[in-house]
């Protein structure tokens, strides 16, 4: 699926820049959102004339990974609103909100929400392990000095890991949870 390859490339670049500089660039997210909407729009309206793959039982939009324009818009909107609520509470940056929108645009509502849920679970595991490693059990229980700096999390990295986990298992098994 071509849309999965595009989303993978976007997530890999976002993961790198977020890990390295704690920044997800608009130059990456805005074109990815536009490309996803155009791609899924073509899948909805512009590819009826292409033949289906012989013997595979797939139509061309399915092969290309198109979910359709309405599902793409709804997925992007729902993932945007979810991450915007996290952003407002101070738990994410603006680039994370736009990256979640990209995920929703390419995957739609159920799969986009599953990937975001997995990203938060992986991030929570990272925080737990890092806090135990860095400060021992005393720090993990909340006994740390007030001057200990609080680090930001590169959520783009966790989104990329979550998408990789999502690709490793059939989509139906995640959505049924």
N, C-alpha and C. Protein backbone atom coordinates (compact mmCIF):
# COMPACT_ATOMS: atom_id res chain seq x y z
N UNK A 1 0.83 -1.18 0.00
CA UNK A 1 0.00 0.00 0.00
C UNK A 1 0.88 1.25 0.00
N UNK A 2 0.62 2.07 -0.98
CA UNK A 2 1.45 3.25 -1.16
C UNK A 2 1.22 4.26 -0.04
N UNK A 3 -0.01 4.40 0.43
CA UNK A 3 -0.26 5.37 1.50
C UNK A 3 0.47 4.97 2.79
N UNK A 4 0.60 3.68 3.04
CA UNK A 4 1.35 3.22 4.21
C UNK A 4 2.83 3.56 4.10
N UNK A 5 3.37 3.48 2.89
CA UNK A 5 4.77 3.85 2.67
C UNK A 5 4.96 5.35 2.88
N UNK A 6 4.02 6.14 2.36
CA UNK A 6 4.12 7.60 2.54
C UNK A 6 4.04 7.95 4.02
N UNK A 7 3.07 7.36 4.72
CA UNK A 7 2.93 7.64 6.15
C UNK A 7 4.17 7.17 6.92
N UNK A 8 4.72 6.04 6.54
CA UNK A 8 5.94 5.55 7.21
C UNK A 8 7.09 6.53 7.04
N UNK A 9 7.27 7.04 5.84
CA UNK A 9 8.34 8.01 5.60
C UNK A 9 8.13 9.29 6.41
N UNK A 10 6.90 9.77 6.44
CA UNK A 10 6.60 10.97 7.22
C UNK A 10 6.90 10.73 8.70
N UNK A 11 6.49 9.57 9.22
CA UNK A 11 6.70 9.27 10.63
C UNK A 11 8.17 9.07 10.96
N UNK A 12 8.93 8.49 10.05
CA UNK A 12 10.37 8.31 10.29
C UNK A 12 11.08 9.67 10.34
N UNK A 13 10.74 10.55 9.41
CA UNK A 13 11.35 11.89 9.42
C UNK A 13 10.93 12.66 10.67
N UNK A 14 9.65 12.58 11.02
CA UNK A 14 9.16 13.27 12.22
C UNK A 14 9.82 12.71 13.47
N UNK A 15 9.99 11.40 13.52
CA UNK A 15 10.63 10.78 14.68
C UNK A 15 12.07 11.28 14.82
N UNK A 16 12.77 11.37 13.71
CA UNK A 16 14.16 11.82 13.76
C UNK A 16 14.25 13.27 14.24
N UNK A 17 13.47 14.15 13.64
CA UNK A 17 13.56 15.56 14.03
C UNK A 17 13.05 15.77 15.45
N UNK A 18 12.05 15.01 15.86
CA UNK A 18 11.53 15.15 17.22
C UNK A 18 12.53 14.61 18.24
N UNK A 19 13.20 13.54 17.92
CA UNK A 19 14.21 12.99 18.82
C UNK A 19 15.41 13.92 18.92
N UNK A 20 15.84 14.41 17.78
CA UNK A 20 17.07 15.22 17.72
C UNK A 20 16.87 16.63 18.26
N UNK A 21 15.79 17.30 17.82
CA UNK A 21 15.60 18.70 18.15
C UNK A 21 14.31 18.99 18.91
N UNK A 22 13.53 17.96 19.21
CA UNK A 22 12.22 18.13 19.87
C UNK A 22 11.33 19.08 19.08
N UNK A 23 11.31 18.86 17.76
CA UNK A 23 10.57 19.72 16.86
C UNK A 23 10.08 18.90 15.66
N UNK A 24 8.82 19.03 15.33
CA UNK A 24 8.26 18.43 14.12
C UNK A 24 7.89 19.60 13.21
N UNK A 25 8.55 19.67 12.08
CA UNK A 25 8.46 20.83 11.20
C UNK A 25 7.14 20.90 10.45
N UNK A 26 6.65 22.14 10.28
CA UNK A 26 5.45 22.37 9.48
C UNK A 26 5.67 21.98 8.02
N UNK A 27 6.91 22.11 7.57
CA UNK A 27 7.26 21.75 6.19
C UNK A 27 6.98 20.27 5.93
N UNK A 28 7.00 19.47 6.98
CA UNK A 28 6.70 18.04 6.85
C UNK A 28 5.20 17.76 7.01
N UNK A 29 4.58 18.36 8.01
CA UNK A 29 3.20 17.97 8.34
C UNK A 29 2.16 18.56 7.40
N UNK A 30 2.28 19.83 7.05
CA UNK A 30 1.25 20.43 6.19
C UNK A 30 1.18 19.78 4.81
N UNK A 31 2.31 19.59 4.12
CA UNK A 31 2.21 18.87 2.83
C UNK A 31 1.72 17.43 2.99
N UNK A 32 2.07 16.78 4.10
CA UNK A 32 1.60 15.41 4.31
C UNK A 32 0.09 15.36 4.49
N UNK A 33 -0.46 16.34 5.20
CA UNK A 33 -1.92 16.40 5.35
C UNK A 33 -2.57 16.64 3.99
N UNK A 34 -2.06 17.60 3.24
CA UNK A 34 -2.61 17.90 1.92
C UNK A 34 -2.49 16.71 0.98
N UNK A 35 -1.33 16.07 0.99
CA UNK A 35 -1.11 14.89 0.13
C UNK A 35 -2.07 13.77 0.50
N UNK A 36 -2.28 13.55 1.80
CA UNK A 36 -3.21 12.50 2.24
C UNK A 36 -4.63 12.78 1.81
N UNK A 37 -5.06 14.05 1.91
CA UNK A 37 -6.42 14.40 1.49
C UNK A 37 -6.60 14.25 -0.02
N UNK A 38 -5.61 14.69 -0.77
CA UNK A 38 -5.67 14.54 -2.23
C UNK A 38 -5.65 13.06 -2.62
N UNK A 39 -4.77 12.31 -1.98
CA UNK A 39 -4.65 10.88 -2.26
C UNK A 39 -5.96 10.15 -2.01
N UNK A 40 -6.55 10.40 -0.85
CA UNK A 40 -7.80 9.74 -0.52
C UNK A 40 -8.96 10.29 -1.34
N UNK A 41 -8.87 11.54 -1.75
CA UNK A 41 -9.87 12.09 -2.67
C UNK A 41 -9.82 11.41 -4.02
N UNK A 42 -8.62 11.16 -4.52
CA UNK A 42 -8.49 10.41 -5.77
C UNK A 42 -9.03 9.00 -5.62
N UNK A 43 -8.79 8.41 -4.47
CA UNK A 43 -9.32 7.08 -4.22
C UNK A 43 -10.82 7.05 -4.16
N UNK A 44 -11.42 8.14 -3.71
CA UNK A 44 -12.88 8.20 -3.61
C UNK A 44 -13.53 8.49 -4.95
N UNK A 45 -12.94 9.45 -5.68
CA UNK A 45 -13.66 9.96 -6.84
C UNK A 45 -12.95 9.74 -8.18
N UNK A 46 -11.65 9.54 -8.18
CA UNK A 46 -10.95 9.57 -9.44
C UNK A 46 -10.43 8.25 -9.96
N UNK A 47 -10.68 7.12 -9.28
CA UNK A 47 -10.07 5.87 -9.71
C UNK A 47 -11.07 4.80 -10.08
N UNK A 48 -12.31 5.19 -10.32
CA UNK A 48 -13.29 4.18 -10.69
C UNK A 48 -13.00 3.56 -12.06
N UNK A 49 -12.28 4.30 -12.88
CA UNK A 49 -12.00 3.83 -14.23
C UNK A 49 -10.86 2.81 -14.28
N UNK A 50 -10.08 2.70 -13.21
CA UNK A 50 -8.97 1.75 -13.20
C UNK A 50 -9.48 0.34 -12.91
N UNK A 51 -8.92 -0.67 -13.55
CA UNK A 51 -9.39 -2.03 -13.30
C UNK A 51 -8.94 -2.55 -11.95
N UNK A 52 -9.67 -3.53 -11.44
CA UNK A 52 -9.26 -4.15 -10.18
C UNK A 52 -8.13 -5.14 -10.47
N UNK A 53 -7.40 -5.50 -9.44
CA UNK A 53 -6.29 -6.43 -9.58
C UNK A 53 -6.88 -7.82 -9.83
N UNK A 54 -6.45 -8.44 -10.91
CA UNK A 54 -7.01 -9.73 -11.30
C UNK A 54 -6.68 -10.82 -10.29
N UNK A 55 -7.68 -11.51 -9.81
CA UNK A 55 -7.49 -12.65 -8.93
C UNK A 55 -7.24 -12.32 -7.48
N UNK A 56 -6.97 -11.06 -7.17
CA UNK A 56 -6.66 -10.71 -5.79
C UNK A 56 -7.91 -10.31 -5.01
N UNK A 57 -8.96 -9.91 -5.71
CA UNK A 57 -10.16 -9.47 -5.04
C UNK A 57 -10.03 -8.06 -4.48
N UNK A 58 -8.98 -7.33 -4.84
CA UNK A 58 -8.79 -5.97 -4.38
C UNK A 58 -9.09 -5.02 -5.53
N UNK A 59 -9.71 -3.91 -5.21
CA UNK A 59 -9.84 -2.86 -6.20
C UNK A 59 -8.60 -1.98 -6.12
N UNK A 60 -8.41 -1.16 -7.10
CA UNK A 60 -7.21 -0.33 -7.14
C UNK A 60 -7.11 0.63 -5.95
N UNK A 61 -8.19 1.32 -5.54
CA UNK A 61 -8.04 2.18 -4.36
C UNK A 61 -7.62 1.41 -3.10
N UNK A 62 -8.11 0.19 -2.93
CA UNK A 62 -7.68 -0.59 -1.77
C UNK A 62 -6.20 -0.94 -1.87
N UNK A 63 -5.76 -1.29 -3.05
CA UNK A 63 -4.36 -1.63 -3.26
C UNK A 63 -3.46 -0.43 -2.98
N UNK A 64 -3.92 0.73 -3.36
CA UNK A 64 -3.14 1.95 -3.14
C UNK A 64 -3.25 2.47 -1.72
N UNK A 65 -4.15 1.90 -0.93
CA UNK A 65 -4.31 2.29 0.46
C UNK A 65 -5.23 3.47 0.68
N UNK A 66 -6.10 3.75 -0.26
CA UNK A 66 -7.03 4.87 -0.11
C UNK A 66 -8.19 4.46 0.78
N UNK A 67 -8.52 5.30 1.75
CA UNK A 67 -9.64 5.01 2.64
C UNK A 67 -10.87 5.83 2.26
N UNK A 68 -10.73 6.74 1.34
CA UNK A 68 -11.84 7.59 0.93
C UNK A 68 -11.74 8.96 1.58
N UNK A 69 -12.23 9.97 0.88
CA UNK A 69 -12.12 11.34 1.37
C UNK A 69 -12.93 11.58 2.64
N UNK A 70 -14.19 11.11 2.74
CA UNK A 70 -14.91 11.35 4.00
C UNK A 70 -14.23 10.72 5.22
N UNK A 71 -13.76 9.49 5.07
CA UNK A 71 -13.07 8.83 6.19
C UNK A 71 -11.76 9.54 6.52
N UNK A 72 -11.09 10.06 5.51
CA UNK A 72 -9.85 10.78 5.72
C UNK A 72 -10.08 12.09 6.47
N UNK A 73 -11.10 12.82 6.08
CA UNK A 73 -11.42 14.09 6.75
C UNK A 73 -11.85 13.83 8.19
N UNK A 74 -12.71 12.85 8.39
CA UNK A 74 -13.17 12.53 9.75
C UNK A 74 -12.02 12.03 10.62
N UNK A 75 -11.17 11.17 10.08
CA UNK A 75 -10.03 10.66 10.84
C UNK A 75 -9.08 11.77 11.24
N UNK A 76 -8.78 12.66 10.30
CA UNK A 76 -7.91 13.79 10.61
C UNK A 76 -8.51 14.71 11.65
N UNK A 77 -9.81 14.95 11.54
CA UNK A 77 -10.48 15.85 12.48
C UNK A 77 -10.52 15.26 13.89
N UNK A 78 -10.88 13.99 14.00
CA UNK A 78 -10.96 13.35 15.31
C UNK A 78 -9.58 13.28 15.98
N UNK A 79 -8.57 12.88 15.23
CA UNK A 79 -7.21 12.80 15.80
C UNK A 79 -6.69 14.20 16.15
N UNK A 80 -7.03 15.20 15.34
CA UNK A 80 -6.64 16.58 15.64
C UNK A 80 -7.26 17.04 16.95
N UNK A 81 -8.58 16.82 17.11
CA UNK A 81 -9.27 17.26 18.32
C UNK A 81 -8.73 16.54 19.55
N UNK A 82 -8.47 15.24 19.42
CA UNK A 82 -7.93 14.49 20.55
C UNK A 82 -6.57 15.05 20.98
N UNK A 83 -5.69 15.26 20.02
CA UNK A 83 -4.35 15.76 20.37
C UNK A 83 -4.39 17.23 20.77
N UNK A 84 -5.36 17.99 20.25
CA UNK A 84 -5.49 19.38 20.67
C UNK A 84 -5.84 19.46 22.15
N UNK A 85 -6.67 18.53 22.62
CA UNK A 85 -7.00 18.51 24.04
C UNK A 85 -5.76 18.17 24.88
N UNK A 86 -4.89 17.31 24.36
CA UNK A 86 -3.64 17.01 25.06
C UNK A 86 -2.71 18.22 25.02
N UNK A 87 -2.69 18.93 23.90
CA UNK A 87 -1.86 20.12 23.75
C UNK A 87 -2.28 21.23 24.72
N UNK A 88 -3.59 21.42 24.85
CA UNK A 88 -4.11 22.47 25.72
C UNK A 88 -3.72 22.21 27.18
N UNK A 89 -3.66 20.95 27.57
CA UNK A 89 -3.28 20.62 28.94
C UNK A 89 -1.76 20.62 29.14
N UNK A 90 -1.00 20.86 28.09
CA UNK A 90 0.45 20.93 28.20
C UNK A 90 1.15 19.61 28.00
N UNK A 91 0.45 18.59 27.53
CA UNK A 91 1.04 17.27 27.38
C UNK A 91 1.64 17.00 26.02
N UNK A 92 1.52 17.93 25.09
CA UNK A 92 2.06 17.72 23.75
C UNK A 92 2.38 19.07 23.13
N UNK A 93 3.17 19.03 22.08
CA UNK A 93 3.50 20.25 21.35
C UNK A 93 2.63 20.40 20.12
N UNK A 94 2.76 21.54 19.45
CA UNK A 94 1.97 21.80 18.26
C UNK A 94 2.30 20.84 17.12
N UNK A 95 3.55 20.45 17.00
CA UNK A 95 3.93 19.48 15.96
C UNK A 95 3.30 18.12 16.20
N UNK A 96 3.13 17.76 17.46
CA UNK A 96 2.49 16.48 17.78
C UNK A 96 1.02 16.50 17.35
N UNK A 97 0.37 17.65 17.50
CA UNK A 97 -1.02 17.78 17.08
C UNK A 97 -1.13 17.59 15.57
N UNK A 98 -0.23 18.24 14.84
CA UNK A 98 -0.27 18.12 13.38
C UNK A 98 0.11 16.72 12.92
N UNK A 99 1.04 16.09 13.62
CA UNK A 99 1.41 14.72 13.26
C UNK A 99 0.25 13.76 13.51
N UNK A 100 -0.49 13.96 14.58
CA UNK A 100 -1.68 13.14 14.83
C UNK A 100 -2.71 13.35 13.74
N UNK A 101 -2.82 14.58 13.24
CA UNK A 101 -3.73 14.85 12.13
C UNK A 101 -3.30 14.09 10.88
N UNK A 102 -2.01 14.05 10.62
CA UNK A 102 -1.50 13.28 9.49
C UNK A 102 -1.87 11.81 9.63
N UNK A 103 -1.70 11.27 10.82
CA UNK A 103 -2.03 9.86 11.07
C UNK A 103 -3.51 9.63 10.81
N UNK A 104 -4.36 10.52 11.31
CA UNK A 104 -5.79 10.37 11.10
C UNK A 104 -6.19 10.51 9.64
N UNK A 105 -5.53 11.41 8.91
CA UNK A 105 -5.86 11.59 7.50
C UNK A 105 -5.53 10.34 6.69
N UNK A 106 -4.42 9.70 6.98
CA UNK A 106 -4.02 8.51 6.22
C UNK A 106 -4.72 7.25 6.68
N UNK A 107 -5.04 7.13 7.97
CA UNK A 107 -5.56 5.86 8.49
C UNK A 107 -7.06 5.87 8.78
N UNK A 108 -7.66 7.01 8.96
CA UNK A 108 -9.07 7.07 9.33
C UNK A 108 -9.26 7.00 10.83
N UNK A 109 -10.52 6.96 11.25
CA UNK A 109 -10.83 7.06 12.68
C UNK A 109 -10.36 5.84 13.47
N UNK A 110 -10.81 4.61 13.16
CA UNK A 110 -10.45 3.51 14.07
C UNK A 110 -8.95 3.26 14.13
N UNK A 111 -8.32 3.18 12.99
CA UNK A 111 -6.88 2.88 12.97
C UNK A 111 -6.07 4.06 13.52
N UNK A 112 -6.48 5.29 13.22
CA UNK A 112 -5.78 6.45 13.74
C UNK A 112 -5.83 6.52 15.26
N UNK A 113 -6.99 6.23 15.82
CA UNK A 113 -7.12 6.22 17.28
C UNK A 113 -6.31 5.10 17.91
N UNK A 114 -6.26 3.95 17.24
CA UNK A 114 -5.47 2.83 17.76
C UNK A 114 -3.99 3.20 17.78
N UNK A 115 -3.50 3.83 16.71
CA UNK A 115 -2.09 4.21 16.66
C UNK A 115 -1.78 5.25 17.74
N UNK A 116 -2.67 6.22 17.94
CA UNK A 116 -2.44 7.21 19.00
C UNK A 116 -2.47 6.56 20.38
N UNK A 117 -3.40 5.63 20.59
CA UNK A 117 -3.46 4.92 21.87
C UNK A 117 -2.17 4.14 22.11
N UNK A 118 -1.69 3.45 21.09
CA UNK A 118 -0.44 2.71 21.21
C UNK A 118 0.74 3.65 21.48
N UNK A 119 0.73 4.82 20.85
CA UNK A 119 1.81 5.79 21.07
C UNK A 119 1.82 6.24 22.53
N UNK A 120 0.66 6.48 23.10
CA UNK A 120 0.60 6.90 24.51
C UNK A 120 1.01 5.77 25.44
N UNK A 121 0.66 4.54 25.10
CA UNK A 121 1.05 3.40 25.93
C UNK A 121 2.57 3.21 25.89
N UNK A 122 3.15 3.29 24.69
CA UNK A 122 4.61 3.15 24.57
C UNK A 122 5.31 4.30 25.30
N UNK A 123 4.77 5.52 25.17
CA UNK A 123 5.36 6.67 25.86
C UNK A 123 5.28 6.50 27.38
N UNK A 124 4.16 5.98 27.87
CA UNK A 124 4.02 5.76 29.31
C UNK A 124 5.02 4.71 29.79
N UNK A 125 5.22 3.67 29.01
CA UNK A 125 6.23 2.67 29.36
C UNK A 125 7.62 3.26 29.37
N UNK A 126 7.92 4.13 28.42
CA UNK A 126 9.21 4.80 28.37
C UNK A 126 9.42 5.67 29.60
N UNK A 127 8.41 6.43 29.97
CA UNK A 127 8.51 7.30 31.15
C UNK A 127 8.73 6.47 32.40
N UNK A 128 8.01 5.39 32.53
CA UNK A 128 8.15 4.53 33.70
C UNK A 128 9.56 3.95 33.79
N UNK A 129 10.04 3.39 32.70
CA UNK A 129 11.39 2.80 32.70
C UNK A 129 12.47 3.87 32.92
N UNK A 130 12.31 5.02 32.28
CA UNK A 130 13.31 6.09 32.43
C UNK A 130 13.33 6.63 33.85
N UNK A 131 12.17 6.77 34.46
CA UNK A 131 12.16 7.31 35.82
C UNK A 131 12.76 6.31 36.81
N UNK A 132 12.50 5.03 36.62
CA UNK A 132 13.10 4.03 37.49
C UNK A 132 14.61 3.98 37.29
N UNK A 133 15.05 4.03 36.04
CA UNK A 133 16.47 3.95 35.74
C UNK A 133 17.23 5.16 36.29
N UNK A 134 16.68 6.35 36.08
CA UNK A 134 17.40 7.56 36.43
C UNK A 134 17.43 7.85 37.93
N UNK A 135 16.35 7.55 38.61
CA UNK A 135 16.31 7.97 40.00
C UNK A 135 16.07 6.84 40.98
N UNK A 136 16.06 5.63 40.49
CA UNK A 136 15.85 4.50 41.38
C UNK A 136 14.42 4.47 41.90
N UNK A 137 14.16 3.60 42.80
CA UNK A 137 12.80 3.43 43.32
C UNK A 137 12.33 4.65 44.09
N UNK A 138 13.25 5.37 44.75
CA UNK A 138 12.83 6.55 45.51
C UNK A 138 12.28 7.62 44.58
N UNK A 139 12.95 7.84 43.45
CA UNK A 139 12.46 8.84 42.50
C UNK A 139 11.18 8.41 41.82
N UNK A 140 11.04 7.11 41.61
CA UNK A 140 9.84 6.62 40.94
C UNK A 140 8.62 6.78 41.84
N UNK A 141 8.82 6.71 43.13
CA UNK A 141 7.71 6.87 44.06
C UNK A 141 7.37 8.34 44.31
N UNK A 142 8.06 9.24 43.64
CA UNK A 142 7.74 10.65 43.75
C UNK A 142 8.64 11.42 44.68
N UNK A 143 9.66 10.80 45.24
CA UNK A 143 10.58 11.47 46.15
C UNK A 143 11.76 12.01 45.36
N UNK A 144 11.58 13.08 44.68
CA UNK A 144 12.68 13.69 43.96
C UNK A 144 12.82 15.13 44.41
N UNK A 145 13.98 15.67 44.18
CA UNK A 145 14.21 17.04 44.59
C UNK A 145 13.46 18.00 43.67
N UNK A 146 13.03 19.14 44.18
CA UNK A 146 12.26 20.08 43.36
C UNK A 146 13.05 20.69 42.21
N UNK A 147 14.37 20.67 42.27
CA UNK A 147 15.18 21.28 41.22
C UNK A 147 15.51 20.30 40.09
N UNK A 148 14.96 19.10 40.12
CA UNK A 148 15.18 18.14 39.04
C UNK A 148 14.43 18.61 37.79
N UNK A 149 15.12 18.78 36.65
CA UNK A 149 14.43 19.27 35.45
C UNK A 149 13.46 18.22 34.89
N UNK A 150 12.38 18.72 34.35
CA UNK A 150 11.38 17.86 33.71
C UNK A 150 11.68 17.88 32.21
N UNK A 151 11.84 16.70 31.62
CA UNK A 151 12.16 16.62 30.21
C UNK A 151 10.89 16.49 29.39
N UNK A 152 10.99 16.93 28.15
CA UNK A 152 9.87 16.73 27.22
C UNK A 152 10.04 15.39 26.52
N UNK A 153 8.93 14.84 26.10
CA UNK A 153 8.96 13.55 25.40
C UNK A 153 8.86 13.77 23.90
N UNK A 154 9.65 13.06 23.13
CA UNK A 154 9.51 13.15 21.67
C UNK A 154 8.36 12.25 21.20
N UNK A 155 7.13 12.78 21.23
CA UNK A 155 5.97 11.97 20.90
C UNK A 155 5.99 11.47 19.46
N UNK A 156 6.70 12.18 18.58
CA UNK A 156 6.83 11.71 17.20
C UNK A 156 7.51 10.35 17.11
N UNK A 157 8.47 10.11 17.99
CA UNK A 157 9.15 8.82 18.03
C UNK A 157 8.16 7.73 18.44
N UNK A 158 7.34 8.03 19.43
CA UNK A 158 6.39 7.04 19.91
C UNK A 158 5.27 6.79 18.90
N UNK A 159 4.92 7.81 18.12
CA UNK A 159 3.94 7.61 17.03
C UNK A 159 4.51 6.69 15.96
N UNK A 160 5.78 6.85 15.64
CA UNK A 160 6.41 5.98 14.65
C UNK A 160 6.49 4.54 15.15
N UNK A 161 6.85 4.36 16.41
CA UNK A 161 6.91 3.02 16.99
C UNK A 161 5.51 2.41 17.02
N UNK A 162 4.52 3.21 17.37
CA UNK A 162 3.14 2.71 17.43
C UNK A 162 2.64 2.30 16.05
N UNK A 163 2.99 3.06 15.02
CA UNK A 163 2.59 2.68 13.66
C UNK A 163 3.28 1.39 13.24
N UNK A 164 4.54 1.23 13.64
CA UNK A 164 5.23 -0.03 13.36
C UNK A 164 4.55 -1.20 14.04
N UNK A 165 4.13 -1.02 15.29
CA UNK A 165 3.39 -2.08 15.99
C UNK A 165 2.07 -2.37 15.29
N UNK A 166 1.42 -1.32 14.85
CA UNK A 166 0.14 -1.48 14.15
C UNK A 166 0.32 -2.27 12.86
N UNK A 167 1.42 -2.04 12.17
CA UNK A 167 1.67 -2.76 10.92
C UNK A 167 2.02 -4.23 11.14
N UNK A 168 2.55 -4.55 12.32
CA UNK A 168 2.97 -5.93 12.60
C UNK A 168 1.80 -6.87 12.84
N UNK A 169 0.67 -6.32 13.20
CA UNK A 169 -0.49 -7.15 13.52
C UNK A 169 -1.65 -6.75 12.63
N UNK A 170 -2.55 -7.68 12.35
CA UNK A 170 -3.70 -7.35 11.50
C UNK A 170 -4.53 -6.22 12.10
N UNK A 171 -5.01 -5.35 11.24
CA UNK A 171 -5.77 -4.18 11.69
C UNK A 171 -7.03 -4.58 12.45
N UNK A 172 -7.64 -5.67 12.06
CA UNK A 172 -8.89 -6.08 12.68
C UNK A 172 -8.70 -6.42 14.15
N UNK A 173 -7.55 -6.96 14.51
CA UNK A 173 -7.34 -7.35 15.90
C UNK A 173 -7.24 -6.12 16.81
N UNK A 174 -6.68 -5.01 16.33
CA UNK A 174 -6.59 -3.81 17.14
C UNK A 174 -7.95 -3.12 17.26
N UNK A 175 -8.69 -3.10 16.15
CA UNK A 175 -9.97 -2.37 16.15
C UNK A 175 -10.99 -3.10 17.02
N UNK A 176 -10.89 -4.41 17.15
CA UNK A 176 -11.84 -5.15 17.97
C UNK A 176 -11.62 -4.94 19.45
N UNK A 177 -10.47 -4.41 19.84
CA UNK A 177 -10.22 -4.16 21.26
C UNK A 177 -11.18 -3.11 21.72
